[in-house]
Amino acid sequence: MTKETTIRAIGNSAGTTIPKAMLERYRLAEGDRVHLVETDEGILITPFDPAFAEAMALYEEGAKQYRNAMRELAK
Protein backbone atom coordinates (compact mmCIF):
# COMPACT_ATOMS: atom_id res chain seq x y z
CA MET A 1 0.00 0.00 0.00
CA THR A 2 1.31 3.43 -0.91
CA LYS A 3 0.10 6.63 0.72
CA GLU A 4 1.28 10.20 0.27
CA THR A 5 1.85 12.51 3.20
CA THR A 6 3.37 15.97 3.68
CA ILE A 7 6.33 16.92 5.84
CA ARG A 8 5.40 19.79 8.17
CA ALA A 9 7.31 22.03 10.56
CA ILE A 10 7.10 20.97 14.20
CA GLY A 11 9.06 23.45 16.30
CA ASN A 12 12.68 23.32 15.10
CA SER A 13 12.11 19.90 13.52
CA ALA A 14 9.87 18.45 10.86
CA GLY A 15 7.37 15.61 10.95
CA THR A 16 4.67 13.86 9.03
CA THR A 17 1.42 12.08 9.78
CA ILE A 18 0.66 8.40 9.29
CA PRO A 19 -2.89 7.49 8.25
CA LYS A 20 -5.01 5.87 10.98
CA ALA A 21 -5.53 2.68 8.94
CA MET A 22 -1.75 2.15 8.72
CA LEU A 23 -1.31 2.84 12.42
CA GLU A 24 -3.92 0.22 13.21
CA ARG A 25 -2.52 -2.33 10.74
CA TYR A 26 0.98 -2.07 12.24
CA ARG A 27 -0.29 -1.64 15.81
CA LEU A 28 1.34 1.75 16.26
CA ALA A 29 0.09 4.48 18.56
CA GLU A 30 1.06 7.97 19.64
CA GLY A 31 4.25 7.82 21.70
CA ASP A 32 5.55 4.60 20.09
CA ARG A 33 9.15 4.72 18.95
CA VAL A 34 9.99 3.94 15.34
CA HIS A 35 13.31 3.66 13.52
CA LEU A 36 14.25 5.41 10.29
CA VAL A 37 16.41 3.18 8.11
CA GLU A 38 18.03 4.42 4.91
CA THR A 39 17.65 1.88 2.10
CA ASP A 40 18.51 1.89 -1.61
CA GLU A 41 14.84 2.67 -2.29
CA GLY A 42 14.54 5.50 0.25
CA ILE A 43 13.57 5.74 3.92
CA LEU A 44 12.01 2.81 5.78
CA ILE A 45 10.00 3.65 8.91
CA THR A 46 9.80 0.60 11.14
CA PRO A 47 8.95 -0.20 14.77
CA PHE A 48 11.68 -2.85 14.70
CA ASP A 49 15.16 -1.88 15.90
CA PRO A 50 17.66 -3.11 13.29
CA ALA A 51 20.49 -3.08 15.87
CA PHE A 52 18.44 -5.33 18.18
CA ALA A 53 17.70 -7.72 15.30
CA GLU A 54 21.41 -7.88 14.48
CA ALA A 55 22.29 -8.52 18.14
CA MET A 56 19.73 -11.34 18.33
CA ALA A 57 21.15 -12.92 15.16
CA LEU A 58 24.64 -12.85 16.72
CA TYR A 59 23.26 -14.35 19.93
CA GLU A 60 21.56 -17.17 18.04
CA GLU A 61 24.79 -17.93 16.17
CA GLY A 62 26.75 -18.02 19.43
CA ALA A 63 24.08 -20.08 21.19
CA LYS A 64 24.31 -22.73 18.48
CA GLN A 65 28.09 -22.74 18.47
CA TYR A 66 28.39 -22.96 22.27
CA ARG A 67 25.24 -25.00 22.98
CA ASN A 68 27.01 -27.49 25.25
CA ALA A 69 28.83 -24.80 27.22
CA MET A 70 25.55 -22.88 27.69
CA ARG A 71 23.84 -26.04 28.90
CA GLU A 72 26.61 -26.61 31.49
CA LEU A 73 26.48 -22.98 32.67
CA ALA A 74 22.73 -23.26 33.15
CA LYS A 75 23.15 -26.10 35.69
C-alpha atoms as a PDB file:
ATOM      1  CA  MET A   1       0.000   0.000   0.000  1.00  0.00           C
ATOM      2  CA  THR A   2       1.307   3.433  -0.909  1.00  0.00           C
ATOM      3  CA  LYS A   3       0.097   6.634   0.717  1.00  0.00           C
ATOM      4  CA  GLU A   4       1.280  10.197   0.266  1.00  0.00           C
ATOM      5  CA  THR A   5       1.847  12.512   3.195  1.00  0.00           C
ATOM      6  CA  THR A   6       3.366  15.966   3.677  1.00  0.00           C
ATOM      7  CA  ILE A   7       6.328  16.924   5.838  1.00  0.00           C
ATOM      8  CA  ARG A   8       5.405  19.788   8.169  1.00  0.00           C
ATOM      9  CA  ALA A   9       7.305  22.029  10.559  1.00  0.00           C
ATOM     10  CA  ILE A  10       7.096  20.972  14.204  1.00  0.00           C
ATOM     11  CA  GLY A  11       9.060  23.447  16.304  1.00  0.00           C
ATOM     12  CA  ASN A  12      12.679  23.321  15.102  1.00  0.00           C
ATOM     13  CA  SER A  13      12.114  19.899  13.523  1.00  0.00           C
ATOM     14  CA  ALA A  14       9.869  18.453  10.858  1.00  0.00           C
ATOM     15  CA  GLY A  15       7.372  15.613  10.953  1.00  0.00           C
ATOM     16  CA  THR A  16       4.667  13.856   9.032  1.00  0.00           C
ATOM     17  CA  THR A  17       1.417  12.083   9.775  1.00  0.00           C
ATOM     18  CA  ILE A  18       0.660   8.397   9.292  1.00  0.00           C
ATOM     19  CA  PRO A  19      -2.888   7.487   8.255  1.00  0.00           C
ATOM     20  CA  LYS A  20      -5.008   5.870  10.983  1.00  0.00           C
ATOM     21  CA  ALA A  21      -5.531   2.676   8.938  1.00  0.00           C
ATOM     22  CA  MET A  22      -1.750   2.149   8.717  1.00  0.00           C
ATOM     23  CA  LEU A  23      -1.308   2.841  12.419  1.00  0.00           C
ATOM     24  CA  GLU A  24      -3.920   0.216  13.215  1.00  0.00           C
ATOM     25  CA  ARG A  25      -2.522  -2.326  10.745  1.00  0.00           C
ATOM     26  CA  TYR A  26       0.979  -2.066  12.238  1.00  0.00           C
ATOM     27  CA  ARG A  27      -0.285  -1.640  15.807  1.00  0.00           C
ATOM     28  CA  LEU A  28       1.342   1.752  16.264  1.00  0.00           C
ATOM     29  CA  ALA A  29       0.092   4.484  18.562  1.00  0.00           C
ATOM     30  CA  GLU A  30       1.059   7.969  19.644  1.00  0.00           C
ATOM     31  CA  GLY A  31       4.249   7.822  21.702  1.00  0.00           C
ATOM     32  CA  ASP A  32       5.552   4.603  20.093  1.00  0.00           C
ATOM     33  CA  ARG A  33       9.152   4.724  18.950  1.00  0.00           C
ATOM     34  CA  VAL A  34       9.992   3.935  15.342  1.00  0.00           C
ATOM     35  CA  HIS A  35      13.305   3.664  13.523  1.00  0.00           C
ATOM     36  CA  LEU A  36      14.245   5.407  10.290  1.00  0.00           C
ATOM     37  CA  VAL A  37      16.410   3.184   8.107  1.00  0.00           C
ATOM     38  CA  GLU A  38      18.027   4.418   4.909  1.00  0.00           C
ATOM     39  CA  THR A  39      17.651   1.880   2.097  1.00  0.00           C
ATOM     40  CA  ASP A  40      18.507   1.891  -1.608  1.00  0.00           C
ATOM     41  CA  GLU A  41      14.845   2.669  -2.291  1.00  0.00           C
ATOM     42  CA  GLY A  42      14.538   5.498   0.251  1.00  0.00           C
ATOM     43  CA  ILE A  43      13.574   5.741   3.924  1.00  0.00           C
ATOM     44  CA  LEU A  44      12.008   2.812   5.776  1.00  0.00           C
ATOM     45  CA  ILE A  45       9.996   3.653   8.909  1.00  0.00           C
ATOM     46  CA  THR A  46       9.801   0.597  11.137  1.00  0.00           C
ATOM     47  CA  PRO A  47       8.952  -0.199  14.767  1.00  0.00           C
ATOM     48  CA  PHE A  48      11.676  -2.847  14.703  1.00  0.00           C
ATOM     49  CA  ASP A  49      15.157  -1.879  15.904  1.00  0.00           C
ATOM     50  CA  PRO A  50      17.664  -3.108  13.293  1.00  0.00           C
ATOM     51  CA  ALA A  51      20.485  -3.076  15.874  1.00  0.00           C
ATOM     52  CA  PHE A  52      18.439  -5.329  18.176  1.00  0.00           C
ATOM     53  CA  ALA A  53      17.696  -7.720  15.302  1.00  0.00           C
ATOM     54  CA  GLU A  54      21.414  -7.879  14.484  1.00  0.00           C
ATOM     55  CA  ALA A  55      22.292  -8.516  18.143  1.00  0.00           C
ATOM     56  CA  MET A  56      19.734 -11.340  18.329  1.00  0.00           C
ATOM     57  CA  ALA A  57      21.155 -12.921  15.164  1.00  0.00           C
ATOM     58  CA  LEU A  58      24.636 -12.849  16.717  1.00  0.00           C
ATOM     59  CA  TYR A  59      23.259 -14.349  19.932  1.00  0.00           C
ATOM     60  CA  GLU A  60      21.559 -17.175  18.039  1.00  0.00           C
ATOM     61  CA  GLU A  61      24.786 -17.928  16.166  1.00  0.00           C
ATOM     62  CA  GLY A  62      26.747 -18.022  19.433  1.00  0.00           C
ATOM     63  CA  ALA A  63      24.078 -20.076  21.191  1.00  0.00           C
ATOM     64  CA  LYS A  64      24.306 -22.731  18.478  1.00  0.00           C
ATOM     65  CA  GLN A  65      28.090 -22.745  18.472  1.00  0.00           C
ATOM     66  CA  TYR A  66      28.393 -22.957  22.271  1.00  0.00           C
ATOM     67  CA  ARG A  67      25.240 -24.995  22.976  1.00  0.00           C
ATOM     68  CA  ASN A  68      27.007 -27.493  25.251  1.00  0.00           C
ATOM     69  CA  ALA A  69      28.826 -24.795  27.222  1.00  0.00           C
ATOM     70  CA  MET A  70      25.551 -22.881  27.691  1.00  0.00           C
ATOM     71  CA  ARG A  71      23.840 -26.041  28.903  1.00  0.00           C
ATOM     72  CA  GLU A  72      26.609 -26.612  31.494  1.00  0.00           C
ATOM     73  CA  LEU A  73      26.477 -22.985  32.666  1.00  0.00           C
ATOM     74  CA  ALA A  74      22.730 -23.263  33.149  1.00  0.00           C
ATOM     75  CA  LYS A  75      23.146 -26.097  35.689  1.00  0.00           C
END
